[in-house]
Amino acid sequence: MLAPGLWFGYEYLQNGPWFIETFIRYQIRLFSTPDAGHGGIPGYHVFVLLLGCFPASIFAISALRRSQIEGERGRDFRWWMAILFWVVLILFSIVKSKIVHYSSLAYFPITYLGATTLFRYVSAARPLPKGIVWGLGIAGLVISFFAIAAAIAGNNIELIKPLLAKDPFALANLEAEVRWTGGR
């Protein structure tokens, strides 16, 4: 409370209430409406984190369910990482604006929790459970599909243009000259 209080206090003394009121109104708008056309599907950040932090996200799922670390300090840190993950995921799932970097604060807990799971299996020389193996395979196939689809779409821009007919900005971006090497 002290740090924001000092910052808001200083700002109020320098510029009056204008900035603070504008800042709060902007935060409410971000929370309640899709800002600048950045709406999204329910579960948007789940997909972003699951596929964007692959393969750590698959390993992290196991660590979110139960403590895997011995010792009080390890359990406490794992607990705080799980709390940070859930707060970020829940908060930005509620927020109406869906932008990829909103959930980026969850990258660290995901990679930490994923590493603890992987370490547990590697150090014990135990095979990975079938759920993790299947998760790695399915997420890997989804990522591969989108990577291949992006390369095909990049080589066939004319097929994409009708889908973006109502967005002049997107259409103008498709006019950029890009040399795609995949698929040819």
N, C-alpha and C. Protein backbone atom coordinates (compact mmCIF):
# COMPACT_ATOMS: atom_id res chain seq x y z
N MET A 1 0.81 -1.19 0.00
CA MET A 1 0.00 0.00 0.00
C MET A 1 0.86 1.26 0.00
N LEU A 2 2.03 1.18 0.60
CA LEU A 2 2.88 2.36 0.72
C LEU A 2 3.37 2.83 -0.66
N ALA A 3 3.86 1.91 -1.49
CA ALA A 3 4.39 2.31 -2.80
C ALA A 3 3.32 2.97 -3.67
N PRO A 4 2.15 2.32 -3.88
CA PRO A 4 1.14 3.01 -4.69
C PRO A 4 0.65 4.29 -4.05
N GLY A 5 0.57 4.30 -2.72
CA GLY A 5 0.14 5.51 -2.02
C GLY A 5 1.09 6.67 -2.27
N LEU A 6 2.39 6.40 -2.23
CA LEU A 6 3.38 7.44 -2.52
C LEU A 6 3.26 7.92 -3.96
N TRP A 7 3.10 6.97 -4.88
CA TRP A 7 3.02 7.33 -6.29
C TRP A 7 1.76 8.15 -6.57
N PHE A 8 0.59 7.64 -6.11
CA PHE A 8 -0.66 8.37 -6.34
C PHE A 8 -0.64 9.72 -5.61
N GLY A 9 -0.07 9.75 -4.40
CA GLY A 9 0.02 11.00 -3.65
C GLY A 9 0.85 12.03 -4.39
N TYR A 10 2.01 11.63 -4.86
CA TYR A 10 2.88 12.54 -5.61
C TYR A 10 2.17 13.02 -6.87
N GLU A 11 1.54 12.09 -7.58
CA GLU A 11 0.84 12.44 -8.81
C GLU A 11 -0.29 13.43 -8.53
N TYR A 12 -1.01 13.21 -7.45
CA TYR A 12 -2.11 14.11 -7.07
C TYR A 12 -1.58 15.51 -6.75
N LEU A 13 -0.48 15.56 -6.02
CA LEU A 13 0.10 16.87 -5.67
C LEU A 13 0.61 17.60 -6.91
N GLN A 14 1.17 16.86 -7.87
CA GLN A 14 1.73 17.48 -9.07
C GLN A 14 0.65 17.91 -10.06
N ASN A 15 -0.35 17.05 -10.30
CA ASN A 15 -1.30 17.27 -11.39
C ASN A 15 -2.76 17.29 -10.97
N GLY A 16 -3.02 17.16 -9.69
CA GLY A 16 -4.41 17.13 -9.25
C GLY A 16 -5.04 15.78 -9.52
N PRO A 17 -6.36 15.70 -9.45
CA PRO A 17 -7.03 14.40 -9.58
C PRO A 17 -7.17 13.89 -11.02
N TRP A 18 -6.87 14.71 -12.02
CA TRP A 18 -7.12 14.32 -13.41
C TRP A 18 -6.50 12.98 -13.77
N PHE A 19 -5.21 12.80 -13.52
CA PHE A 19 -4.55 11.56 -13.94
C PHE A 19 -5.12 10.34 -13.21
N ILE A 20 -5.32 10.46 -11.92
CA ILE A 20 -5.83 9.33 -11.13
C ILE A 20 -7.23 8.93 -11.61
N GLU A 21 -8.09 9.91 -11.84
CA GLU A 21 -9.44 9.61 -12.34
C GLU A 21 -9.38 8.95 -13.71
N THR A 22 -8.54 9.47 -14.59
CA THR A 22 -8.40 8.91 -15.94
C THR A 22 -7.84 7.48 -15.87
N PHE A 23 -6.86 7.28 -15.01
CA PHE A 23 -6.25 5.95 -14.84
C PHE A 23 -7.29 4.94 -14.37
N ILE A 24 -8.10 5.32 -13.38
CA ILE A 24 -9.11 4.40 -12.84
C ILE A 24 -10.19 4.12 -13.88
N ARG A 25 -10.64 5.16 -14.61
CA ARG A 25 -11.63 4.95 -15.66
C ARG A 25 -11.10 4.00 -16.73
N TYR A 26 -9.84 4.16 -17.09
CA TYR A 26 -9.22 3.29 -18.11
C TYR A 26 -9.17 1.84 -17.62
N GLN A 27 -8.82 1.62 -16.36
CA GLN A 27 -8.77 0.26 -15.82
C GLN A 27 -10.16 -0.37 -15.80
N ILE A 28 -11.17 0.41 -15.46
CA ILE A 28 -12.55 -0.11 -15.47
C ILE A 28 -12.97 -0.46 -16.89
N ARG A 29 -12.61 0.39 -17.87
CA ARG A 29 -12.94 0.10 -19.26
C ARG A 29 -12.25 -1.18 -19.73
N LEU A 30 -10.98 -1.36 -19.40
CA LEU A 30 -10.28 -2.59 -19.78
C LEU A 30 -10.94 -3.82 -19.17
N PHE A 31 -11.42 -3.68 -17.96
CA PHE A 31 -12.02 -4.80 -17.25
C PHE A 31 -13.40 -5.15 -17.81
N SER A 32 -14.14 -4.13 -18.25
CA SER A 32 -15.54 -4.36 -18.58
C SER A 32 -15.87 -4.42 -20.07
N THR A 33 -14.98 -3.95 -20.94
CA THR A 33 -15.26 -3.98 -22.37
C THR A 33 -14.04 -4.48 -23.14
N PRO A 34 -14.26 -5.12 -24.30
CA PRO A 34 -13.12 -5.51 -25.13
C PRO A 34 -12.49 -4.25 -25.72
N ASP A 35 -11.35 -3.87 -25.24
CA ASP A 35 -10.70 -2.63 -25.63
C ASP A 35 -9.99 -2.77 -26.97
N ALA A 36 -10.15 -1.79 -27.83
CA ALA A 36 -9.45 -1.71 -29.12
C ALA A 36 -9.63 -2.97 -29.95
N GLY A 37 -10.83 -3.56 -29.87
CA GLY A 37 -11.11 -4.74 -30.68
C GLY A 37 -10.43 -6.01 -30.18
N HIS A 38 -9.97 -6.00 -28.94
CA HIS A 38 -9.28 -7.17 -28.40
C HIS A 38 -10.20 -8.01 -27.53
N GLY A 39 -11.30 -8.45 -28.10
CA GLY A 39 -12.17 -9.39 -27.41
C GLY A 39 -11.61 -10.78 -27.62
N GLY A 40 -12.23 -11.75 -27.02
CA GLY A 40 -11.73 -13.10 -27.22
C GLY A 40 -12.72 -14.13 -26.74
N ILE A 41 -12.40 -15.35 -26.98
CA ILE A 41 -13.25 -16.47 -26.59
C ILE A 41 -13.07 -16.77 -25.11
N PRO A 42 -14.07 -17.38 -24.47
CA PRO A 42 -13.86 -17.83 -23.10
C PRO A 42 -12.72 -18.86 -23.08
N GLY A 43 -11.87 -18.77 -22.11
CA GLY A 43 -10.74 -19.69 -22.04
C GLY A 43 -9.56 -19.27 -22.89
N TYR A 44 -9.59 -18.07 -23.42
CA TYR A 44 -8.53 -17.57 -24.30
C TYR A 44 -7.16 -17.74 -23.66
N HIS A 45 -7.01 -17.29 -22.41
CA HIS A 45 -5.70 -17.34 -21.76
C HIS A 45 -5.29 -18.77 -21.40
N VAL A 46 -6.26 -19.66 -21.22
CA VAL A 46 -5.92 -21.07 -20.99
C VAL A 46 -5.19 -21.60 -22.22
N PHE A 47 -5.74 -21.33 -23.41
CA PHE A 47 -5.10 -21.79 -24.65
C PHE A 47 -3.76 -21.10 -24.87
N VAL A 48 -3.71 -19.80 -24.61
CA VAL A 48 -2.46 -19.05 -24.79
C VAL A 48 -1.37 -19.64 -23.92
N LEU A 49 -1.68 -19.90 -22.66
CA LEU A 49 -0.67 -20.42 -21.74
C LEU A 49 -0.34 -21.89 -22.02
N LEU A 50 -1.35 -22.67 -22.34
CA LEU A 50 -1.12 -24.09 -22.60
C LEU A 50 -0.24 -24.29 -23.82
N LEU A 51 -0.54 -23.58 -24.91
CA LEU A 51 0.24 -23.75 -26.13
C LEU A 51 1.47 -22.84 -26.18
N GLY A 52 1.35 -21.66 -25.59
CA GLY A 52 2.47 -20.71 -25.63
C GLY A 52 3.62 -21.08 -24.72
N CYS A 53 3.34 -21.82 -23.67
CA CYS A 53 4.40 -22.25 -22.73
C CYS A 53 4.70 -23.73 -22.90
N PHE A 54 4.33 -24.30 -24.03
CA PHE A 54 4.60 -25.70 -24.31
C PHE A 54 6.10 -25.95 -24.37
N PRO A 55 6.63 -27.00 -23.82
CA PRO A 55 6.00 -28.12 -23.12
C PRO A 55 5.89 -27.94 -21.61
N ALA A 56 6.42 -26.83 -21.07
CA ALA A 56 6.38 -26.62 -19.61
C ALA A 56 4.95 -26.66 -19.07
N SER A 57 3.99 -26.14 -19.84
CA SER A 57 2.60 -26.10 -19.37
C SER A 57 2.04 -27.50 -19.12
N ILE A 58 2.42 -28.46 -19.95
CA ILE A 58 1.92 -29.83 -19.77
C ILE A 58 2.47 -30.42 -18.47
N PHE A 59 3.76 -30.19 -18.21
CA PHE A 59 4.35 -30.68 -16.97
C PHE A 59 3.80 -29.94 -15.76
N ALA A 60 3.47 -28.66 -15.91
CA ALA A 60 2.99 -27.84 -14.78
C ALA A 60 1.62 -28.29 -14.29
N ILE A 61 0.80 -28.85 -15.15
CA ILE A 61 -0.53 -29.29 -14.74
C ILE A 61 -0.44 -30.25 -13.57
N SER A 62 0.51 -31.15 -13.62
CA SER A 62 0.70 -32.12 -12.53
C SER A 62 1.09 -31.42 -11.23
N ALA A 63 1.93 -30.40 -11.31
CA ALA A 63 2.40 -29.69 -10.11
C ALA A 63 1.31 -28.82 -9.50
N LEU A 64 0.31 -28.43 -10.27
CA LEU A 64 -0.79 -27.62 -9.73
C LEU A 64 -1.72 -28.44 -8.85
N ARG A 65 -1.71 -29.74 -9.03
CA ARG A 65 -2.62 -30.59 -8.28
C ARG A 65 -2.12 -30.98 -6.90
N ARG A 66 -0.83 -31.14 -6.74
CA ARG A 66 -0.31 -31.59 -5.45
C ARG A 66 1.14 -31.15 -5.27
N SER A 67 1.58 -31.14 -4.03
CA SER A 67 2.95 -30.76 -3.74
C SER A 67 3.89 -31.88 -4.13
N GLN A 68 4.96 -31.51 -4.83
CA GLN A 68 5.92 -32.51 -5.27
C GLN A 68 7.30 -32.24 -4.69
N ILE A 69 7.42 -31.20 -3.90
CA ILE A 69 8.73 -30.77 -3.43
C ILE A 69 8.84 -31.06 -1.95
N GLU A 70 9.93 -31.65 -1.57
CA GLU A 70 10.18 -31.91 -0.16
C GLU A 70 10.73 -30.66 0.50
N GLY A 71 10.44 -30.51 1.76
CA GLY A 71 10.97 -29.38 2.51
C GLY A 71 9.98 -28.23 2.55
N GLU A 72 9.99 -27.55 3.67
CA GLU A 72 9.02 -26.47 3.87
C GLU A 72 9.21 -25.32 2.89
N ARG A 73 10.45 -24.90 2.64
CA ARG A 73 10.69 -23.78 1.74
C ARG A 73 10.24 -24.11 0.32
N GLY A 74 10.51 -25.31 -0.13
CA GLY A 74 10.09 -25.72 -1.47
C GLY A 74 8.58 -25.75 -1.61
N ARG A 75 7.90 -26.27 -0.58
CA ARG A 75 6.43 -26.30 -0.61
C ARG A 75 5.86 -24.89 -0.61
N ASP A 76 6.43 -24.03 0.22
CA ASP A 76 5.94 -22.64 0.27
C ASP A 76 6.12 -21.95 -1.07
N PHE A 77 7.28 -22.11 -1.69
CA PHE A 77 7.52 -21.44 -2.98
C PHE A 77 6.58 -22.01 -4.04
N ARG A 78 6.39 -23.33 -4.06
CA ARG A 78 5.48 -23.94 -5.02
C ARG A 78 4.07 -23.40 -4.80
N TRP A 79 3.68 -23.24 -3.54
CA TRP A 79 2.36 -22.72 -3.20
C TRP A 79 2.19 -21.29 -3.75
N TRP A 80 3.20 -20.44 -3.56
CA TRP A 80 3.13 -19.07 -4.06
C TRP A 80 3.11 -19.03 -5.59
N MET A 81 3.83 -19.93 -6.21
CA MET A 81 3.81 -19.99 -7.68
C MET A 81 2.43 -20.42 -8.17
N ALA A 82 1.81 -21.37 -7.49
CA ALA A 82 0.47 -21.80 -7.86
C ALA A 82 -0.54 -20.66 -7.66
N ILE A 83 -0.41 -19.93 -6.56
CA ILE A 83 -1.31 -18.79 -6.31
C ILE A 83 -1.13 -17.74 -7.40
N LEU A 84 0.11 -17.41 -7.73
CA LEU A 84 0.36 -16.42 -8.77
C LEU A 84 -0.27 -16.86 -10.09
N PHE A 85 -0.08 -18.12 -10.44
CA PHE A 85 -0.65 -18.65 -11.67
C PHE A 85 -2.17 -18.49 -11.69
N TRP A 86 -2.84 -18.95 -10.62
CA TRP A 86 -4.30 -18.91 -10.59
C TRP A 86 -4.84 -17.49 -10.56
N VAL A 87 -4.18 -16.59 -9.83
CA VAL A 87 -4.63 -15.19 -9.81
C VAL A 87 -4.57 -14.59 -11.21
N VAL A 88 -3.45 -14.78 -11.88
CA VAL A 88 -3.29 -14.23 -13.24
C VAL A 88 -4.33 -14.85 -14.18
N LEU A 89 -4.46 -16.17 -14.15
CA LEU A 89 -5.38 -16.83 -15.06
C LEU A 89 -6.83 -16.41 -14.80
N ILE A 90 -7.25 -16.38 -13.56
CA ILE A 90 -8.64 -16.03 -13.24
C ILE A 90 -8.90 -14.56 -13.54
N LEU A 91 -8.01 -13.68 -13.11
CA LEU A 91 -8.21 -12.25 -13.32
C LEU A 91 -8.32 -11.92 -14.80
N PHE A 92 -7.39 -12.41 -15.60
CA PHE A 92 -7.41 -12.04 -17.01
C PHE A 92 -8.39 -12.87 -17.82
N SER A 93 -8.96 -13.91 -17.25
CA SER A 93 -10.07 -14.59 -17.90
C SER A 93 -11.35 -13.79 -17.70
N ILE A 94 -11.45 -13.07 -16.58
CA ILE A 94 -12.61 -12.24 -16.30
C ILE A 94 -12.57 -10.95 -17.13
N VAL A 95 -11.39 -10.38 -17.29
CA VAL A 95 -11.23 -9.13 -18.03
C VAL A 95 -11.71 -9.34 -19.46
N LYS A 96 -12.45 -8.38 -19.99
CA LYS A 96 -13.03 -8.51 -21.33
C LYS A 96 -12.01 -8.34 -22.45
N SER A 97 -10.97 -7.53 -22.24
CA SER A 97 -9.92 -7.37 -23.25
C SER A 97 -9.00 -8.58 -23.19
N LYS A 98 -8.81 -9.23 -24.31
CA LYS A 98 -7.97 -10.44 -24.36
C LYS A 98 -6.74 -10.16 -25.22
N ILE A 99 -5.64 -9.88 -24.55
CA ILE A 99 -4.38 -9.61 -25.23
C ILE A 99 -3.36 -10.61 -24.69
N VAL A 100 -2.54 -11.16 -25.57
CA VAL A 100 -1.61 -12.23 -25.21
C VAL A 100 -0.74 -11.86 -24.01
N HIS A 101 -0.18 -10.67 -24.00
CA HIS A 101 0.77 -10.34 -22.94
C HIS A 101 0.10 -10.12 -21.58
N TYR A 102 -1.23 -10.05 -21.52
CA TYR A 102 -1.89 -9.92 -20.21
C TYR A 102 -1.56 -11.11 -19.31
N SER A 103 -1.49 -12.28 -19.88
CA SER A 103 -1.24 -13.47 -19.07
C SER A 103 0.25 -13.81 -18.96
N SER A 104 1.12 -12.92 -19.42
CA SER A 104 2.55 -13.24 -19.41
C SER A 104 3.12 -13.37 -18.00
N LEU A 105 2.48 -12.81 -16.99
CA LEU A 105 2.95 -12.97 -15.62
C LEU A 105 2.85 -14.43 -15.18
N ALA A 106 2.08 -15.23 -15.87
CA ALA A 106 1.95 -16.65 -15.53
C ALA A 106 3.07 -17.49 -16.13
N TYR A 107 3.89 -16.94 -17.02
CA TYR A 107 4.96 -17.72 -17.64
C TYR A 107 5.94 -18.26 -16.61
N PHE A 108 6.33 -17.43 -15.65
CA PHE A 108 7.31 -17.87 -14.66
C PHE A 108 6.76 -18.99 -13.79
N PRO A 109 5.55 -18.86 -13.20
CA PRO A 109 5.06 -19.99 -12.41
C PRO A 109 4.88 -21.27 -13.24
N ILE A 110 4.45 -21.13 -14.48
CA ILE A 110 4.27 -22.33 -15.31
C ILE A 110 5.61 -23.02 -15.54
N THR A 111 6.63 -22.27 -15.89
CA THR A 111 7.92 -22.91 -16.15
C THR A 111 8.52 -23.47 -14.87
N TYR A 112 8.34 -22.78 -13.74
CA TYR A 112 8.85 -23.30 -12.48
C TYR A 112 8.13 -24.60 -12.11
N LEU A 113 6.82 -24.58 -12.14
CA LEU A 113 6.05 -25.78 -11.78
C LEU A 113 6.31 -26.92 -12.75
N GLY A 114 6.44 -26.61 -14.03
CA GLY A 114 6.77 -27.64 -15.01
C GLY A 114 8.14 -28.25 -14.74
N ALA A 115 9.09 -27.40 -14.38
CA ALA A 115 10.45 -27.89 -14.10
C ALA A 115 10.46 -28.78 -12.86
N THR A 116 9.64 -28.46 -11.86
CA THR A 116 9.62 -29.31 -10.65
C THR A 116 9.08 -30.70 -10.99
N THR A 117 8.07 -30.75 -11.85
CA THR A 117 7.53 -32.05 -12.25
C THR A 117 8.56 -32.85 -13.03
N LEU A 118 9.17 -32.22 -14.00
CA LEU A 118 10.18 -32.90 -14.81
C LEU A 118 11.34 -33.36 -13.95
N PHE A 119 11.80 -32.51 -13.04
CA PHE A 119 12.90 -32.88 -12.15
C PHE A 119 12.54 -34.09 -11.31
N ARG A 120 11.30 -34.12 -10.82
CA ARG A 120 10.87 -35.24 -9.98
C ARG A 120 10.98 -36.56 -10.74
N TYR A 121 10.55 -36.60 -11.98
CA TYR A 121 10.60 -37.85 -12.75
C TYR A 121 12.01 -38.20 -13.20
N VAL A 122 12.76 -37.21 -13.63
CA VAL A 122 14.12 -37.47 -14.10
C VAL A 122 15.02 -37.91 -12.95
N SER A 123 14.93 -37.23 -11.80
CA SER A 123 15.81 -37.58 -10.68
C SER A 123 15.49 -38.95 -10.10
N ALA A 124 14.25 -39.38 -10.21
CA ALA A 124 13.87 -40.70 -9.70
C ALA A 124 13.98 -41.77 -10.79
N ALA A 125 14.39 -41.35 -11.99
CA ALA A 125 14.51 -42.26 -13.14
C ALA A 125 13.22 -43.03 -13.37
N ARG A 126 12.09 -42.32 -13.20
CA ARG A 126 10.78 -42.92 -13.42
C ARG A 126 10.25 -42.49 -14.78
N PRO A 127 9.49 -43.34 -15.44
CA PRO A 127 8.89 -42.93 -16.71
C PRO A 127 7.77 -41.91 -16.46
N LEU A 128 7.53 -41.08 -17.46
CA LEU A 128 6.46 -40.10 -17.36
C LEU A 128 5.11 -40.80 -17.38
N PRO A 129 4.15 -40.30 -16.62
CA PRO A 129 2.80 -40.89 -16.67
C PRO A 129 2.18 -40.74 -18.06
N LYS A 130 1.25 -41.61 -18.38
CA LYS A 130 0.61 -41.59 -19.69
C LYS A 130 -0.12 -40.27 -19.95
N GLY A 131 -0.68 -39.66 -18.91
CA GLY A 131 -1.38 -38.39 -19.08
C GLY A 131 -0.45 -37.30 -19.59
N ILE A 132 0.76 -37.25 -19.05
CA ILE A 132 1.73 -36.25 -19.50
C ILE A 132 2.17 -36.56 -20.93
N VAL A 133 2.44 -37.82 -21.22
CA VAL A 133 2.87 -38.20 -22.57
C VAL A 133 1.79 -37.86 -23.59
N TRP A 134 0.53 -38.20 -23.28
CA TRP A 134 -0.57 -37.87 -24.17
C TRP A 134 -0.73 -36.35 -24.32
N GLY A 135 -0.62 -35.63 -23.22
CA GLY A 135 -0.72 -34.16 -23.27
C GLY A 135 0.35 -33.56 -24.15
N LEU A 136 1.59 -34.05 -24.02
CA LEU A 136 2.68 -33.57 -24.87
C LEU A 136 2.39 -33.85 -26.33
N GLY A 137 1.88 -35.05 -26.62
CA GLY A 137 1.59 -35.42 -28.00
C GLY A 137 0.47 -34.59 -28.60
N ILE A 138 -0.61 -34.42 -27.86
CA ILE A 138 -1.76 -33.67 -28.38
C ILE A 138 -1.40 -32.20 -28.57
N ALA A 139 -0.79 -31.57 -27.56
CA ALA A 139 -0.41 -30.16 -27.68
C ALA A 139 0.62 -29.98 -28.79
N GLY A 140 1.55 -30.93 -28.92
CA GLY A 140 2.54 -30.86 -29.99
C GLY A 140 1.90 -30.93 -31.36
N LEU A 141 0.88 -31.78 -31.51
CA LEU A 141 0.16 -31.87 -32.79
C LEU A 141 -0.60 -30.58 -33.10
N VAL A 142 -1.23 -30.00 -32.09
CA VAL A 142 -1.96 -28.75 -32.30
C VAL A 142 -1.01 -27.64 -32.74
N ILE A 143 0.12 -27.52 -32.06
CA ILE A 143 1.11 -26.50 -32.42
C ILE A 143 1.65 -26.75 -33.82
N SER A 144 1.92 -28.01 -34.14
CA SER A 144 2.41 -28.35 -35.49
C SER A 144 1.38 -28.00 -36.55
N PHE A 145 0.12 -28.28 -36.27
CA PHE A 145 -0.96 -27.97 -37.22
C PHE A 145 -0.97 -26.47 -37.52
N PHE A 146 -0.93 -25.64 -36.47
CA PHE A 146 -0.98 -24.19 -36.69
C PHE A 146 0.27 -23.67 -37.38
N ALA A 147 1.42 -24.26 -37.10
CA ALA A 147 2.65 -23.85 -37.78
C ALA A 147 2.58 -24.18 -39.27
N ILE A 148 2.10 -25.35 -39.59
CA ILE A 148 1.95 -25.75 -41.00
C ILE A 148 0.88 -24.90 -41.67
N ALA A 149 -0.24 -24.65 -40.98
CA ALA A 149 -1.31 -23.82 -41.55
C ALA A 149 -0.82 -22.40 -41.82
N ALA A 150 0.01 -21.85 -40.92
CA ALA A 150 0.55 -20.50 -41.13
C ALA A 150 1.44 -20.46 -42.37
N ALA A 151 2.25 -21.49 -42.56
CA ALA A 151 3.12 -21.54 -43.74
C ALA A 151 2.29 -21.65 -45.02
N ILE A 152 1.27 -22.47 -45.00
CA ILE A 152 0.40 -22.63 -46.18
C ILE A 152 -0.35 -21.33 -46.45
N ALA A 153 -0.89 -20.71 -45.39
CA ALA A 153 -1.61 -19.44 -45.55
C ALA A 153 -0.68 -18.36 -46.07
N GLY A 154 0.54 -18.33 -45.60
CA GLY A 154 1.50 -17.34 -46.06
C GLY A 154 1.84 -17.48 -47.52
N ASN A 155 1.75 -18.67 -48.03
CA ASN A 155 2.01 -18.91 -49.45
C ASN A 155 0.77 -18.73 -50.32
N ASN A 156 -0.39 -18.53 -49.69
CA ASN A 156 -1.65 -18.39 -50.43
C ASN A 156 -2.47 -17.23 -49.86
N ILE A 157 -1.89 -16.05 -49.87
CA ILE A 157 -2.52 -14.86 -49.29
C ILE A 157 -3.89 -14.57 -49.91
N GLU A 158 -4.05 -14.86 -51.17
CA GLU A 158 -5.32 -14.56 -51.85
C GLU A 158 -6.49 -15.32 -51.22
N LEU A 159 -6.24 -16.47 -50.62
CA LEU A 159 -7.31 -17.23 -49.96
C LEU A 159 -7.73 -16.59 -48.64
N ILE A 160 -6.83 -15.82 -48.04
CA ILE A 160 -7.11 -15.19 -46.74
C ILE A 160 -7.85 -13.87 -46.90
N LYS A 161 -7.58 -13.15 -47.96
CA LYS A 161 -8.15 -11.80 -48.14
C LYS A 161 -9.67 -11.74 -48.02
N PRO A 162 -10.44 -12.67 -48.59
CA PRO A 162 -11.90 -12.58 -48.43
C PRO A 162 -12.35 -12.68 -46.96
N LEU A 163 -11.60 -13.39 -46.16
CA LEU A 163 -11.95 -13.52 -44.74
C LEU A 163 -11.77 -12.22 -43.98
N LEU A 164 -10.93 -11.34 -44.49
CA LEU A 164 -10.61 -10.08 -43.82
C LEU A 164 -11.16 -8.87 -44.58
N ALA A 165 -12.16 -9.08 -45.41
CA ALA A 165 -12.69 -8.02 -46.26
C ALA A 165 -13.18 -6.81 -45.47
N LYS A 166 -13.66 -7.00 -44.25
CA LYS A 166 -14.19 -5.90 -43.44
C LYS A 166 -13.13 -5.18 -42.63
N ASP A 167 -11.89 -5.61 -42.73
CA ASP A 167 -10.81 -5.01 -41.93
C ASP A 167 -9.73 -4.44 -42.85
N PRO A 168 -9.84 -3.14 -43.21
CA PRO A 168 -8.87 -2.56 -44.14
C PRO A 168 -7.44 -2.59 -43.61
N PHE A 169 -7.27 -2.48 -42.31
CA PHE A 169 -5.93 -2.51 -41.73
C PHE A 169 -5.29 -3.88 -41.94
N ALA A 170 -6.06 -4.94 -41.67
CA ALA A 170 -5.54 -6.30 -41.87
C ALA A 170 -5.23 -6.55 -43.34
N LEU A 171 -6.10 -6.09 -44.22
CA LEU A 171 -5.86 -6.26 -45.66
C LEU A 171 -4.59 -5.53 -46.10
N ALA A 172 -4.38 -4.33 -45.57
CA ALA A 172 -3.16 -3.58 -45.91
C ALA A 172 -1.92 -4.32 -45.41
N ASN A 173 -2.02 -4.95 -44.25
CA ASN A 173 -0.89 -5.72 -43.73
C ASN A 173 -0.57 -6.92 -44.62
N LEU A 174 -1.57 -7.48 -45.24
CA LEU A 174 -1.33 -8.62 -46.13
C LEU A 174 -0.60 -8.22 -47.40
N GLU A 175 -0.56 -6.94 -47.68
CA GLU A 175 0.15 -6.45 -48.87
C GLU A 175 1.66 -6.37 -48.65
N ALA A 176 2.11 -6.52 -47.40
CA ALA A 176 3.55 -6.48 -47.12
C ALA A 176 4.23 -7.63 -47.86
N GLU A 177 5.38 -7.33 -48.42
CA GLU A 177 6.11 -8.36 -49.17
C GLU A 177 6.92 -9.22 -48.19
N VAL A 178 6.57 -10.48 -48.14
CA VAL A 178 7.22 -11.43 -47.24
C VAL A 178 7.64 -12.63 -48.07
N ARG A 179 8.83 -13.10 -47.84
CA ARG A 179 9.29 -14.30 -48.56
C ARG A 179 9.13 -15.48 -47.64
N TRP A 180 8.17 -16.35 -47.96
CA TRP A 180 7.93 -17.57 -47.19
C TRP A 180 8.74 -18.69 -47.81
N THR A 181 9.54 -19.35 -47.01
CA THR A 181 10.35 -20.45 -47.53
C THR A 181 9.73 -21.81 -47.23
N GLY A 182 8.85 -21.86 -46.24
CA GLY A 182 8.23 -23.15 -45.89
C GLY A 182 7.28 -23.62 -46.95
N GLY A 183 7.35 -24.88 -47.30
CA GLY A 183 6.40 -25.46 -48.24
C GLY A 183 6.80 -25.35 -49.71
N ARG A 184 7.92 -24.72 -50.01
CA ARG A 184 8.32 -24.62 -51.42
C ARG A 184 9.78 -24.94 -51.57
